[in-house]
Amino acid sequence: MIRHIPVLLKEAVELLQCKSGGIYVDCTLGAGGHAEEILKGSAPDGILIGMDQDENILKIAQERLREYKERVRLVHGNFSDIKEIVKNEGVEMVDGILFDLGVSSYQLDDKERGFSFMYDAPLDMRMNKKAKTTAADIVNSASEKELSEIIFKYGEERFAKRIAAFIVRERERKPITTTLQLSDIIMKAIPARFHAQKIHPATRTFQALRIAVNRELEILEKSLLDAVDILKPKGRMCAISFHSLEDRIVKRTFQRLEKGCICPPRIPVCQCGIRPSIKIITRRPITSGDEEIQMNPRARSAKLRAAEKI
């Protein structure tokens, strides 16, 4: 069984202010690390609803959390359906919600999933294996313009147009079906003088394709809004992001919900009637310390933001 220590574990659980009898939702269960601490913090009778779109990782979490089975409800699903999932569990409002965004170490290290350019594997990248679209589908069917936009928007890759052109040229010769095949194309597309950067040249493109395959950014803002709706007053929500696009969505959504009113500044009295719904707890995101980063380099980019329902 995988005993993965999740990123910003202590900080996230403390911000949730877990209590006995509380009901908590882990929207991205992973291997169950955060969930286990939430269950400890809400002992002896707190309830955890955990969801994940990866059936394999749900089985790992189930094993890890077996001693808490009376207090755990695990669901195969996506956090875009958080309201429906919670309602189906007979719950209307909850005390805390956690989003741990990004890909788990288990998924990255599973060679067959195709998330990493470190192994030669099918170009898949689906978190939910029942989803139809794979990374190979996008790479081999999207137009050059579409590919360029995906790589630039989701990967913030300066060489997006050049990489897209190289991909299209290569797929005309033969389909691009494996991670190393795509990684080699990206290496050729990016000028050699930029290869010696801190991150591998293929990192941003692989990130972009993963986000596109799983529609990660499309569903994030709506899911955050839905999560606030089912929070009890004084209930808290935490979101851990791993790249600037995710963090920007979390930050701006929290700011909008805290502000409430959307009337133009020139209008002296609010006409829209929208009231603030949360209070931001973390004015600046919490990041991992040197010790955690040394133990887990993936923690380097993590940012934790928290808010409380008014």
C-alpha atoms as a PDB file:
ATOM      1  CA  MET A   1       0.000   0.000   0.000  1.00  0.00           C
ATOM      2  CA  ILE A   2       1.247   3.484  -0.841  1.00  0.00           C
ATOM      3  CA  ARG A   3       1.930   5.653   2.216  1.00  0.00           C
ATOM      4  CA  HIS A   4       2.207   8.977   0.462  1.00  0.00           C
ATOM      5  CA  ILE A   5       2.561  12.064   2.646  1.00  0.00           C
ATOM      6  CA  PRO A   6       0.499  14.755   0.920  1.00  0.00           C
ATOM      7  CA  VAL A   7       1.591  18.332   0.388  1.00  0.00           C
ATOM      8  CA  LEU A   8       0.887  20.938   3.102  1.00  0.00           C
ATOM      9  CA  LEU A   9      -0.854  18.296   5.196  1.00  0.00           C
ATOM     10  CA  LYS A  10      -0.572  19.944   8.622  1.00  0.00           C
ATOM     11  CA  GLU A  11      -1.399  23.422   7.328  1.00  0.00           C
ATOM     12  CA  ALA A  12      -4.496  22.356   5.387  1.00  0.00           C
ATOM     13  CA  VAL A  13      -5.997  20.279   8.185  1.00  0.00           C
ATOM     14  CA  GLU A  14      -5.390  23.037  10.752  1.00  0.00           C
ATOM     15  CA  LEU A  15      -7.122  25.588   8.524  1.00  0.00           C
ATOM     16  CA  LEU A  16     -10.167  23.306   8.183  1.00  0.00           C
ATOM     17  CA  GLN A  17     -10.576  23.423  11.971  1.00  0.00           C
ATOM     18  CA  CYS A  18     -11.853  19.858  12.134  1.00  0.00           C
ATOM     19  CA  LYS A  19     -14.160  19.072  15.037  1.00  0.00           C
ATOM     20  CA  SER A  20     -16.018  16.115  16.472  1.00  0.00           C
ATOM     21  CA  GLY A  21     -19.282  15.492  14.664  1.00  0.00           C
ATOM     22  CA  GLY A  22     -18.318  17.617  11.664  1.00  0.00           C
ATOM     23  CA  ILE A  23     -18.920  16.608   8.065  1.00  0.00           C
ATOM     24  CA  TYR A  24     -16.020  17.121   5.656  1.00  0.00           C
ATOM     25  CA  VAL A  25     -15.527  16.642   1.934  1.00  0.00           C
ATOM     26  CA  ASP A  26     -12.228  15.714   0.320  1.00  0.00           C
ATOM     27  CA  CYS A  27     -12.836  16.555  -3.332  1.00  0.00           C
ATOM     28  CA  THR A  28      -9.599  14.965  -4.570  1.00  0.00           C
ATOM     29  CA  LEU A  29      -9.092  12.003  -2.283  1.00  0.00           C
ATOM     30  CA  GLY A  30      -5.912  10.629  -3.827  1.00  0.00           C
ATOM     31  CA  ALA A  31      -4.223   8.041  -1.615  1.00  0.00           C
ATOM     32  CA  GLY A  32      -6.142   9.341   1.411  1.00  0.00           C
ATOM     33  CA  GLY A  33      -3.417  11.260   3.242  1.00  0.00           C
ATOM     34  CA  HIS A  34      -5.388  14.427   3.915  1.00  0.00           C
ATOM     35  CA  ALA A  35      -8.528  12.385   4.548  1.00  0.00           C
ATOM     36  CA  GLU A  36      -6.835  10.346   7.254  1.00  0.00           C
ATOM     37  CA  GLU A  37      -5.802  13.490   9.148  1.00  0.00           C
ATOM     38  CA  ILE A  38      -9.276  14.995   8.766  1.00  0.00           C
ATOM     39  CA  LEU A  39     -10.770  11.841  10.251  1.00  0.00           C
ATOM     40  CA  LYS A  40      -8.323  11.972  13.168  1.00  0.00           C
ATOM     41  CA  GLY A  41      -9.155  15.633  13.745  1.00  0.00           C
ATOM     42  CA  SER A  42     -12.915  15.022  13.671  1.00  0.00           C
ATOM     43  CA  ALA A  43     -12.867  11.962  15.944  1.00  0.00           C
ATOM     44  CA  PRO A  44     -14.764  10.225  17.333  1.00  0.00           C
ATOM     45  CA  ASP A  45     -17.804  10.784  15.113  1.00  0.00           C
ATOM     46  CA  GLY A  46     -16.900  13.131  12.268  1.00  0.00           C
ATOM     47  CA  ILE A  47     -17.870  12.044   8.747  1.00  0.00           C
ATOM     48  CA  LEU A  48     -15.703  12.255   5.635  1.00  0.00           C
ATOM     49  CA  ILE A  49     -17.074  12.155   2.090  1.00  0.00           C
ATOM     50  CA  GLY A  50     -14.176  11.459  -0.240  1.00  0.00           C
ATOM     51  CA  MET A  51     -14.354  11.538  -4.009  1.00  0.00           C
ATOM     52  CA  ASP A  52     -11.914  10.813  -6.804  1.00  0.00           C
ATOM     53  CA  GLN A  53     -12.339  10.158 -10.499  1.00  0.00           C
ATOM     54  CA  ASP A  54      -9.582   7.532 -10.497  1.00  0.00           C
ATOM     55  CA  GLU A  55     -11.031   4.150  -9.480  1.00  0.00           C
ATOM     56  CA  ASN A  56      -7.584   2.644  -8.895  1.00  0.00           C
ATOM     57  CA  ILE A  57      -6.608   5.300  -6.392  1.00  0.00           C
ATOM     58  CA  LEU A  58      -9.982   4.997  -4.633  1.00  0.00           C
ATOM     59  CA  LYS A  59      -9.079   1.389  -3.816  1.00  0.00           C
ATOM     60  CA  ILE A  60      -5.779   2.534  -2.306  1.00  0.00           C
ATOM     61  CA  ALA A  61      -7.554   5.159  -0.210  1.00  0.00           C
ATOM     62  CA  GLN A  62     -10.136   2.619   0.912  1.00  0.00           C
ATOM     63  CA  GLU A  63      -7.368   0.375   2.233  1.00  0.00           C
ATOM     64  CA  ARG A  64      -5.623   3.250   3.965  1.00  0.00           C
ATOM     65  CA  LEU A  65      -8.816   4.410   5.656  1.00  0.00           C
ATOM     66  CA  ARG A  66     -10.173   0.974   6.540  1.00  0.00           C
ATOM     67  CA  GLU A  67     -10.022   1.563  10.311  1.00  0.00           C
ATOM     68  CA  TYR A  68     -12.354   4.557   9.895  1.00  0.00           C
ATOM     69  CA  LYS A  69     -14.810   2.754   7.617  1.00  0.00           C
ATOM     70  CA  GLU A  70     -17.860   3.627   9.740  1.00  0.00           C
ATOM     71  CA  ARG A  71     -17.110   7.317   9.223  1.00  0.00           C
ATOM     72  CA  VAL A  72     -15.992   7.250   5.578  1.00  0.00           C
ATOM     73  CA  ARG A  73     -18.046   7.433   2.413  1.00  0.00           C
ATOM     74  CA  LEU A  74     -16.033   7.040  -0.772  1.00  0.00           C
ATOM     75  CA  VAL A  75     -17.452   8.000  -4.163  1.00  0.00           C
ATOM     76  CA  HIS A  76     -16.115   7.509  -7.689  1.00  0.00           C
ATOM     77  CA  GLY A  77     -16.778  10.927  -9.161  1.00  0.00           C
ATOM     78  CA  ASN A  78     -15.522  14.343 -10.157  1.00  0.00           C
ATOM     79  CA  PHE A  79     -15.692  17.411  -7.910  1.00  0.00           C
ATOM     80  CA  SER A  80     -17.620  19.185 -10.645  1.00  0.00           C
ATOM     81  CA  ASP A  81     -20.563  17.151  -9.281  1.00  0.00           C
ATOM     82  CA  ILE A  82     -19.894  18.013  -5.626  1.00  0.00           C
ATOM     83  CA  LYS A  83     -23.452  19.168  -4.897  1.00  0.00           C
ATOM     84  CA  GLU A  84     -25.029  16.031  -6.344  1.00  0.00           C
ATOM     85  CA  ILE A  85     -22.495  13.709  -4.665  1.00  0.00           C
ATOM     86  CA  VAL A  86     -23.020  15.257  -1.231  1.00  0.00           C
ATOM     87  CA  LYS A  87     -26.808  15.238  -1.663  1.00  0.00           C
ATOM     88  CA  ASN A  88     -26.737  11.568  -2.670  1.00  0.00           C
ATOM     89  CA  GLU A  89     -25.006  10.843   0.640  1.00  0.00           C
ATOM     90  CA  GLY A  90     -27.983  12.332   2.465  1.00  0.00           C
ATOM     91  CA  VAL A  91     -26.126  15.493   3.436  1.00  0.00           C
ATOM     92  CA  GLU A  92     -27.255  19.074   2.797  1.00  0.00           C
ATOM     93  CA  MET A  93     -24.504  21.225   4.345  1.00  0.00           C
ATOM     94  CA  VAL A  94     -20.931  20.444   5.397  1.00  0.00           C
ATOM     95  CA  ASP A  95     -18.363  21.875   7.813  1.00  0.00           C
ATOM     96  CA  GLY A  96     -15.288  21.803   5.591  1.00  0.00           C
ATOM     97  CA  ILE A  97     -14.156  21.146   2.030  1.00  0.00           C
ATOM     98  CA  LEU A  98     -10.683  20.409   0.673  1.00  0.00           C
ATOM     99  CA  PHE A  99      -9.470  20.633  -2.925  1.00  0.00           C
ATOM    100  CA  ASP A 100      -5.990  19.173  -3.493  1.00  0.00           C
ATOM    101  CA  LEU A 101      -5.583  19.978  -7.177  1.00  0.00           C
ATOM    102  CA  GLY A 102      -3.204  18.454  -9.678  1.00  0.00           C
ATOM    103  CA  VAL A 103      -2.026  14.887 -10.173  1.00  0.00           C
ATOM    104  CA  SER A 104      -1.156  12.563  -7.321  1.00  0.00           C
ATOM    105  CA  SER A 105       2.282  10.966  -7.039  1.00  0.00           C
ATOM    106  CA  TYR A 106       0.584   7.616  -7.550  1.00  0.00           C
ATOM    107  CA  GLN A 107      -0.707   8.694 -10.957  1.00  0.00           C
ATOM    108  CA  LEU A 108       2.563  10.325 -12.002  1.00  0.00           C
ATOM    109  CA  ASP A 109       4.548   7.247 -11.018  1.00  0.00           C
ATOM    110  CA  ASP A 110       2.197   4.788 -12.711  1.00  0.00           C
ATOM    111  CA  LYS A 111       4.040   4.205 -15.977  1.00  0.00           C
ATOM    112  CA  GLU A 112       0.951   3.024 -17.838  1.00  0.00           C
ATOM    113  CA  ARG A 113      -1.053   6.199 -17.230  1.00  0.00           C
ATOM    114  CA  GLY A 114       1.059   8.326 -19.556  1.00  0.00           C
ATOM    115  CA  PHE A 115       1.295  11.402 -17.327  1.00  0.00           C
ATOM    116  CA  SER A 116       5.085  11.479 -17.306  1.00  0.00           C
ATOM    117  CA  PHE A 117       7.746  11.846 -19.970  1.00  0.00           C
ATOM    118  CA  MET A 118      10.128   9.891 -17.698  1.00  0.00           C
ATOM    119  CA  TYR A 119       8.702   6.563 -18.881  1.00  0.00           C
ATOM    120  CA  ASP A 120       7.749   5.207 -22.283  1.00  0.00           C
ATOM    121  CA  ALA A 121       4.013   4.616 -22.060  1.00  0.00           C
ATOM    122  CA  PRO A 122       0.786   5.090 -24.024  1.00  0.00           C
ATOM    123  CA  LEU A 123      -0.042   8.777 -24.369  1.00  0.00           C
ATOM    124  CA  ASP A 124      -3.138   8.654 -22.179  1.00  0.00           C
ATOM    125  CA  MET A 125      -3.263  11.158 -19.240  1.00  0.00           C
ATOM    126  CA  ARG A 126      -6.871  10.398 -18.266  1.00  0.00           C
ATOM    127  CA  MET A 127      -7.511  10.615 -14.528  1.00  0.00           C
ATOM    128  CA  ASN A 128     -10.786   8.824 -15.138  1.00  0.00           C
ATOM    129  CA  LYS A 129     -10.120   5.839 -17.361  1.00  0.00           C
ATOM    130  CA  LYS A 130     -13.758   5.841 -18.464  1.00  0.00           C
ATOM    131  CA  ALA A 131     -13.347   9.257 -20.078  1.00  0.00           C
ATOM    132  CA  LYS A 132     -13.296   9.145 -23.859  1.00  0.00           C
ATOM    133  CA  THR A 133     -10.571  11.614 -24.830  1.00  0.00           C
ATOM    134  CA  THR A 134      -6.890  10.779 -24.325  1.00  0.00           C
ATOM    135  CA  ALA A 135      -3.830  12.946 -24.840  1.00  0.00           C
ATOM    136  CA  ALA A 136      -3.084  10.954 -27.990  1.00  0.00           C
ATOM    137  CA  ASP A 137      -6.509  11.883 -29.367  1.00  0.00           C
ATOM    138  CA  ILE A 138      -5.778  15.581 -28.901  1.00  0.00           C
ATOM    139  CA  VAL A 139      -2.214  15.392 -30.211  1.00  0.00           C
ATOM    140  CA  ASN A 140      -3.261  13.530 -33.369  1.00  0.00           C
ATOM    141  CA  SER A 141      -6.567  15.236 -34.185  1.00  0.00           C
ATOM    142  CA  ALA A 142      -6.433  18.865 -33.013  1.00  0.00           C
ATOM    143  CA  SER A 143      -5.463  21.471 -35.585  1.00  0.00           C
ATOM    144  CA  GLU A 144      -2.098  23.174 -35.344  1.00  0.00           C
ATOM    145  CA  LYS A 145      -3.826  26.335 -34.107  1.00  0.00           C
ATOM    146  CA  GLU A 146      -5.773  24.404 -31.458  1.00  0.00           C
ATOM    147  CA  LEU A 147      -2.645  22.626 -30.265  1.00  0.00           C
ATOM    148  CA  SER A 148      -0.755  25.894 -30.050  1.00  0.00           C
ATOM    149  CA  GLU A 149      -3.549  27.482 -28.021  1.00  0.00           C
ATOM    150  CA  ILE A 150      -3.756  24.524 -25.606  1.00  0.00           C
ATOM    151  CA  ILE A 151       0.004  24.446 -25.034  1.00  0.00           C
ATOM    152  CA  PHE A 152       0.242  28.224 -24.577  1.00  0.00           C
ATOM    153  CA  LYS A 153      -2.887  28.695 -22.459  1.00  0.00           C
ATOM    154  CA  TYR A 154      -2.559  25.692 -20.155  1.00  0.00           C
ATOM    155  CA  GLY A 155       1.210  25.265 -20.198  1.00  0.00           C
ATOM    156  CA  GLU A 156       2.280  28.906 -20.486  1.00  0.00           C
ATOM    157  CA  GLU A 157       4.868  27.622 -22.947  1.00  0.00           C
ATOM    158  CA  ARG A 158       6.687  30.331 -24.921  1.00  0.00           C
ATOM    159  CA  PHE A 159       7.447  27.910 -27.779  1.00  0.00           C
ATOM    160  CA  ALA A 160       3.828  26.738 -28.131  1.00  0.00           C
ATOM    161  CA  LYS A 161       3.508  27.586 -31.848  1.00  0.00           C
ATOM    162  CA  ARG A 162       6.794  25.909 -32.691  1.00  0.00           C
ATOM    163  CA  ILE A 163       5.922  22.780 -30.696  1.00  0.00           C
ATOM    164  CA  ALA A 164       2.501  22.568 -32.345  1.00  0.00           C
ATOM    165  CA  ALA A 165       4.084  22.857 -35.794  1.00  0.00           C
ATOM    166  CA  PHE A 166       6.582  20.079 -35.006  1.00  0.00           C
ATOM    167  CA  ILE A 167       3.783  17.836 -33.697  1.00  0.00           C
ATOM    168  CA  VAL A 168       1.669  18.313 -36.825  1.00  0.00           C
ATOM    169  CA  ARG A 169       4.649  17.672 -39.093  1.00  0.00           C
ATOM    170  CA  GLU A 170       5.581  14.510 -37.216  1.00  0.00           C
ATOM    171  CA  ARG A 171       2.059  13.066 -37.040  1.00  0.00           C
ATOM    172  CA  GLU A 172       1.791  13.321 -40.820  1.00  0.00           C
ATOM    173  CA  ARG A 173       4.568  10.736 -40.939  1.00  0.00           C
ATOM    174  CA  LYS A 174       3.058   8.468 -38.284  1.00  0.00           C
ATOM    175  CA  PRO A 175       0.635   8.787 -35.329  1.00  0.00           C
ATOM    176  CA  ILE A 176       2.069  10.010 -32.039  1.00  0.00           C
ATOM    177  CA  THR A 177       1.086   7.359 -29.509  1.00  0.00           C
ATOM    178  CA  THR A 178       3.670   7.273 -26.702  1.00  0.00           C
ATOM    179  CA  THR A 179       5.047   9.672 -24.088  1.00  0.00           C
ATOM    180  CA  LEU A 180       8.668   9.391 -25.199  1.00  0.00           C
ATOM    181  CA  GLN A 181       7.677   9.909 -28.829  1.00  0.00           C
ATOM    182  CA  LEU A 182       6.004  13.194 -27.891  1.00  0.00           C
ATOM    183  CA  SER A 183       8.824  14.186 -25.540  1.00  0.00           C
ATOM    184  CA  ASP A 184      11.387  13.709 -28.340  1.00  0.00           C
ATOM    185  CA  ILE A 185       9.337  15.927 -30.662  1.00  0.00           C
ATOM    186  CA  ILE A 186       9.165  18.667 -28.018  1.00  0.00           C
ATOM    187  CA  MET A 187      12.919  18.416 -27.423  1.00  0.00           C
ATOM    188  CA  LYS A 188      13.512  18.974 -31.130  1.00  0.00           C
ATOM    189  CA  ALA A 189      11.080  21.885 -31.255  1.00  0.00           C
ATOM    190  CA  ILE A 190      12.609  23.826 -28.363  1.00  0.00           C
ATOM    191  CA  PRO A 191      16.009  25.363 -29.228  1.00  0.00           C
ATOM    192  CA  ALA A 192      18.890  23.533 -27.537  1.00  0.00           C
ATOM    193  CA  ARG A 193      20.029  26.597 -25.593  1.00  0.00           C
ATOM    194  CA  PHE A 194      16.784  26.414 -23.568  1.00  0.00           C
ATOM    195  CA  HIS A 195      17.195  22.742 -22.615  1.00  0.00           C
ATOM    196  CA  ALA A 196      19.318  23.405 -19.538  1.00  0.00           C
ATOM    197  CA  GLN A 197      16.548  25.094 -17.546  1.00  0.00           C
ATOM    198  CA  LYS A 198      15.351  23.993 -14.098  1.00  0.00           C
ATOM    199  CA  ILE A 199      12.507  21.966 -15.561  1.00  0.00           C
ATOM    200  CA  HIS A 200      12.501  19.452 -18.410  1.00  0.00           C
ATOM    201  CA  PRO A 201      11.608  21.045 -21.779  1.00  0.00           C
ATOM    202  CA  ALA A 202       8.537  18.809 -22.095  1.00  0.00           C
ATOM    203  CA  THR A 203       7.084  19.702 -18.683  1.00  0.00           C
ATOM    204  CA  ARG A 204       4.835  22.571 -19.757  1.00  0.00           C
ATOM    205  CA  THR A 205       3.430  20.791 -22.809  1.00  0.00           C
ATOM    206  CA  PHE A 206       2.652  17.636 -20.833  1.00  0.00           C
ATOM    207  CA  GLN A 207       0.976  19.780 -18.174  1.00  0.00           C
ATOM    208  CA  ALA A 208      -1.110  21.527 -20.829  1.00  0.00           C
ATOM    209  CA  LEU A 209      -2.280  18.273 -22.378  1.00  0.00           C
ATOM    210  CA  ARG A 210      -3.153  16.793 -18.967  1.00  0.00           C
ATOM    211  CA  ILE A 211      -5.249  19.856 -18.143  1.00  0.00           C
ATOM    212  CA  ALA A 212      -7.004  19.701 -21.519  1.00  0.00           C
ATOM    213  CA  VAL A 213      -7.711  15.961 -21.303  1.00  0.00           C
ATOM    214  CA  ASN A 214      -9.223  16.230 -17.828  1.00  0.00           C
ATOM    215  CA  ARG A 215     -10.849  19.668 -18.308  1.00  0.00           C
ATOM    216  CA  GLU A 216      -9.238  20.711 -15.027  1.00  0.00           C
ATOM    217  CA  LEU A 217      -9.490  24.486 -15.359  1.00  0.00           C
ATOM    218  CA  GLU A 218     -12.886  24.435 -17.071  1.00  0.00           C
ATOM    219  CA  ILE A 219     -14.575  22.919 -14.049  1.00  0.00           C
ATOM    220  CA  LEU A 220     -12.574  24.526 -11.235  1.00  0.00           C
ATOM    221  CA  GLU A 221     -14.341  27.884 -10.801  1.00  0.00           C
ATOM    222  CA  LYS A 222     -17.846  26.391 -10.944  1.00  0.00           C
ATOM    223  CA  SER A 223     -16.811  23.701  -8.472  1.00  0.00           C
ATOM    224  CA  LEU A 224     -15.490  26.302  -6.019  1.00  0.00           C
ATOM    225  CA  LEU A 225     -18.775  28.211  -6.252  1.00  0.00           C
ATOM    226  CA  ASP A 226     -20.782  25.027  -5.720  1.00  0.00           C
ATOM    227  CA  ALA A 227     -18.607  24.144  -2.744  1.00  0.00           C
ATOM    228  CA  VAL A 228     -19.334  27.483  -1.057  1.00  0.00           C
ATOM    229  CA  ASP A 229     -23.055  26.900  -1.536  1.00  0.00           C
ATOM    230  CA  ILE A 230     -22.992  23.709   0.553  1.00  0.00           C
ATOM    231  CA  LEU A 231     -20.741  25.067   3.312  1.00  0.00           C
ATOM    232  CA  LYS A 232     -22.337  25.807   6.667  1.00  0.00           C
ATOM    233  CA  PRO A 233     -21.816  29.305   8.118  1.00  0.00           C
ATOM    234  CA  LYS A 234     -18.305  29.364   9.634  1.00  0.00           C
ATOM    235  CA  GLY A 235     -17.465  26.325   7.518  1.00  0.00           C
ATOM    236  CA  ARG A 236     -14.113  26.444   5.787  1.00  0.00           C
ATOM    237  CA  MET A 237     -12.767  25.603   2.360  1.00  0.00           C
ATOM    238  CA  CYS A 238      -9.129  24.986   1.466  1.00  0.00           C
ATOM    239  CA  ALA A 239      -7.632  24.722  -2.025  1.00  0.00           C
ATOM    240  CA  ILE A 240      -4.093  23.552  -2.784  1.00  0.00           C
ATOM    241  CA  SER A 241      -2.942  24.420  -6.300  1.00  0.00           C
ATOM    242  CA  PHE A 242       0.224  23.450  -8.124  1.00  0.00           C
ATOM    243  CA  HIS A 243       0.561  25.958 -10.929  1.00  0.00           C
ATOM    244  CA  SER A 244      -0.218  29.578 -11.552  1.00  0.00           C
ATOM    245  CA  LEU A 245      -3.364  29.009 -13.627  1.00  0.00           C
ATOM    246  CA  GLU A 246      -5.073  27.020 -10.867  1.00  0.00           C
ATOM    247  CA  ASP A 247      -3.946  29.432  -8.174  1.00  0.00           C
ATOM    248  CA  ARG A 248      -5.182  32.424 -10.172  1.00  0.00           C
ATOM    249  CA  ILE A 249      -8.666  30.905 -10.479  1.00  0.00           C
ATOM    250  CA  VAL A 250      -8.804  30.111  -6.748  1.00  0.00           C
ATOM    251  CA  LYS A 251      -7.531  33.569  -5.794  1.00  0.00           C
ATOM    252  CA  ARG A 252      -9.911  35.493  -8.068  1.00  0.00           C
ATOM    253  CA  THR A 253     -12.916  33.363  -7.145  1.00  0.00           C
ATOM    254  CA  PHE A 254     -12.272  33.897  -3.435  1.00  0.00           C
ATOM    255  CA  GLN A 255     -11.823  37.638  -3.978  1.00  0.00           C
ATOM    256  CA  ARG A 256     -15.068  37.895  -5.937  1.00  0.00           C
ATOM    257  CA  LEU A 257     -17.014  35.977  -3.307  1.00  0.00           C
ATOM    258  CA  GLU A 258     -15.564  38.104  -0.523  1.00  0.00           C
ATOM    259  CA  LYS A 259     -16.377  41.352  -2.336  1.00  0.00           C
ATOM    260  CA  GLY A 260     -19.953  40.451  -3.215  1.00  0.00           C
ATOM    261  CA  CYS A 261     -21.277  43.568  -4.931  1.00  0.00           C
ATOM    262  CA  ILE A 262     -20.595  43.767  -8.673  1.00  0.00           C
ATOM    263  CA  CYS A 263     -22.029  47.258  -9.238  1.00  0.00           C
ATOM    264  CA  PRO A 264     -19.791  49.785 -11.052  1.00  0.00           C
ATOM    265  CA  PRO A 265     -17.733  51.936  -8.643  1.00  0.00           C
ATOM    266  CA  ARG A 266     -19.559  55.106  -9.752  1.00  0.00           C
ATOM    267  CA  ILE A 267     -22.861  53.839  -8.287  1.00  0.00           C
ATOM    268  CA  PRO A 268     -23.009  55.103  -4.676  1.00  0.00           C
ATOM    269  CA  VAL A 269     -25.574  52.549  -3.448  1.00  0.00           C
ATOM    270  CA  CYS A 270     -25.484  48.839  -4.315  1.00  0.00           C
ATOM    271  CA  GLN A 271     -28.130  47.897  -6.872  1.00  0.00           C
ATOM    272  CA  CYS A 272     -27.145  44.282  -7.559  1.00  0.00           C
ATOM    273  CA  GLY A 273     -27.920  42.965  -4.082  1.00  0.00           C
ATOM    274  CA  ILE A 274     -25.039  40.493  -4.138  1.00  0.00           C
ATOM    275  CA  ARG A 275     -23.602  40.163  -0.648  1.00  0.00           C
ATOM    276  CA  PRO A 276     -20.197  38.808   0.395  1.00  0.00           C
ATOM    277  CA  SER A 277     -20.410  35.073   1.059  1.00  0.00           C
ATOM    278  CA  ILE A 278     -16.923  34.278   2.383  1.00  0.00           C
ATOM    279  CA  LYS A 279     -14.066  35.768   4.358  1.00  0.00           C
ATOM    280  CA  ILE A 280     -10.581  35.039   3.033  1.00  0.00           C
ATOM    281  CA  ILE A 281      -8.391  33.482   5.736  1.00  0.00           C
ATOM    282  CA  THR A 282      -5.106  33.471   3.820  1.00  0.00           C
ATOM    283  CA  ARG A 283      -4.321  36.895   2.375  1.00  0.00           C
ATOM    284  CA  ARG A 284      -1.200  35.377   0.895  1.00  0.00           C
ATOM    285  CA  PRO A 285      -0.990  31.718  -0.074  1.00  0.00           C
ATOM    286  CA  ILE A 286       0.738  29.316   2.286  1.00  0.00           C
ATOM    287  CA  THR A 287       3.672  27.522   0.666  1.00  0.00           C
ATOM    288  CA  SER A 288       5.847  24.564   1.599  1.00  0.00           C
ATOM    289  CA  GLY A 289       8.943  25.043   3.739  1.00  0.00           C
ATOM    290  CA  ASP A 290      12.448  23.960   2.799  1.00  0.00           C
ATOM    291  CA  GLU A 291      12.175  20.710   4.768  1.00  0.00           C
ATOM    292  CA  GLU A 292       9.015  19.589   2.973  1.00  0.00           C
ATOM    293  CA  ILE A 293      10.424  20.562  -0.428  1.00  0.00           C
ATOM    294  CA  GLN A 294      13.573  18.567   0.294  1.00  0.00           C
ATOM    295  CA  MET A 295      11.459  15.522   1.158  1.00  0.00           C
ATOM    296  CA  ASN A 296       9.069  16.049  -1.749  1.00  0.00           C
ATOM    297  CA  PRO A 297      10.265  18.272  -4.647  1.00  0.00           C
ATOM    298  CA  ARG A 298       6.703  18.349  -6.029  1.00  0.00           C
ATOM    299  CA  ALA A 299       5.742  20.504  -3.056  1.00  0.00           C
ATOM    300  CA  ARG A 300       7.838  23.378  -4.419  1.00  0.00           C
ATOM    301  CA  SER A 301       5.016  24.829  -6.506  1.00  0.00           C
ATOM    302  CA  ALA A 302       2.162  24.186  -4.053  1.00  0.00           C
ATOM    303  CA  LYS A 303       0.024  27.100  -2.822  1.00  0.00           C
ATOM    304  CA  LEU A 304      -2.673  26.782  -0.185  1.00  0.00           C
ATOM    305  CA  ARG A 305      -5.557  29.258   0.091  1.00  0.00           C
ATOM    306  CA  ALA A 306      -8.433  29.125   2.577  1.00  0.00           C
ATOM    307  CA  ALA A 307     -11.733  30.894   3.096  1.00  0.00           C
ATOM    308  CA  GLU A 308     -14.567  30.814   5.652  1.00  0.00           C
ATOM    309  CA  LYS A 309     -18.276  30.964   4.858  1.00  0.00           C
ATOM    310  CA  ILE A 310     -19.983  34.014   6.309  1.00  0.00           C
END
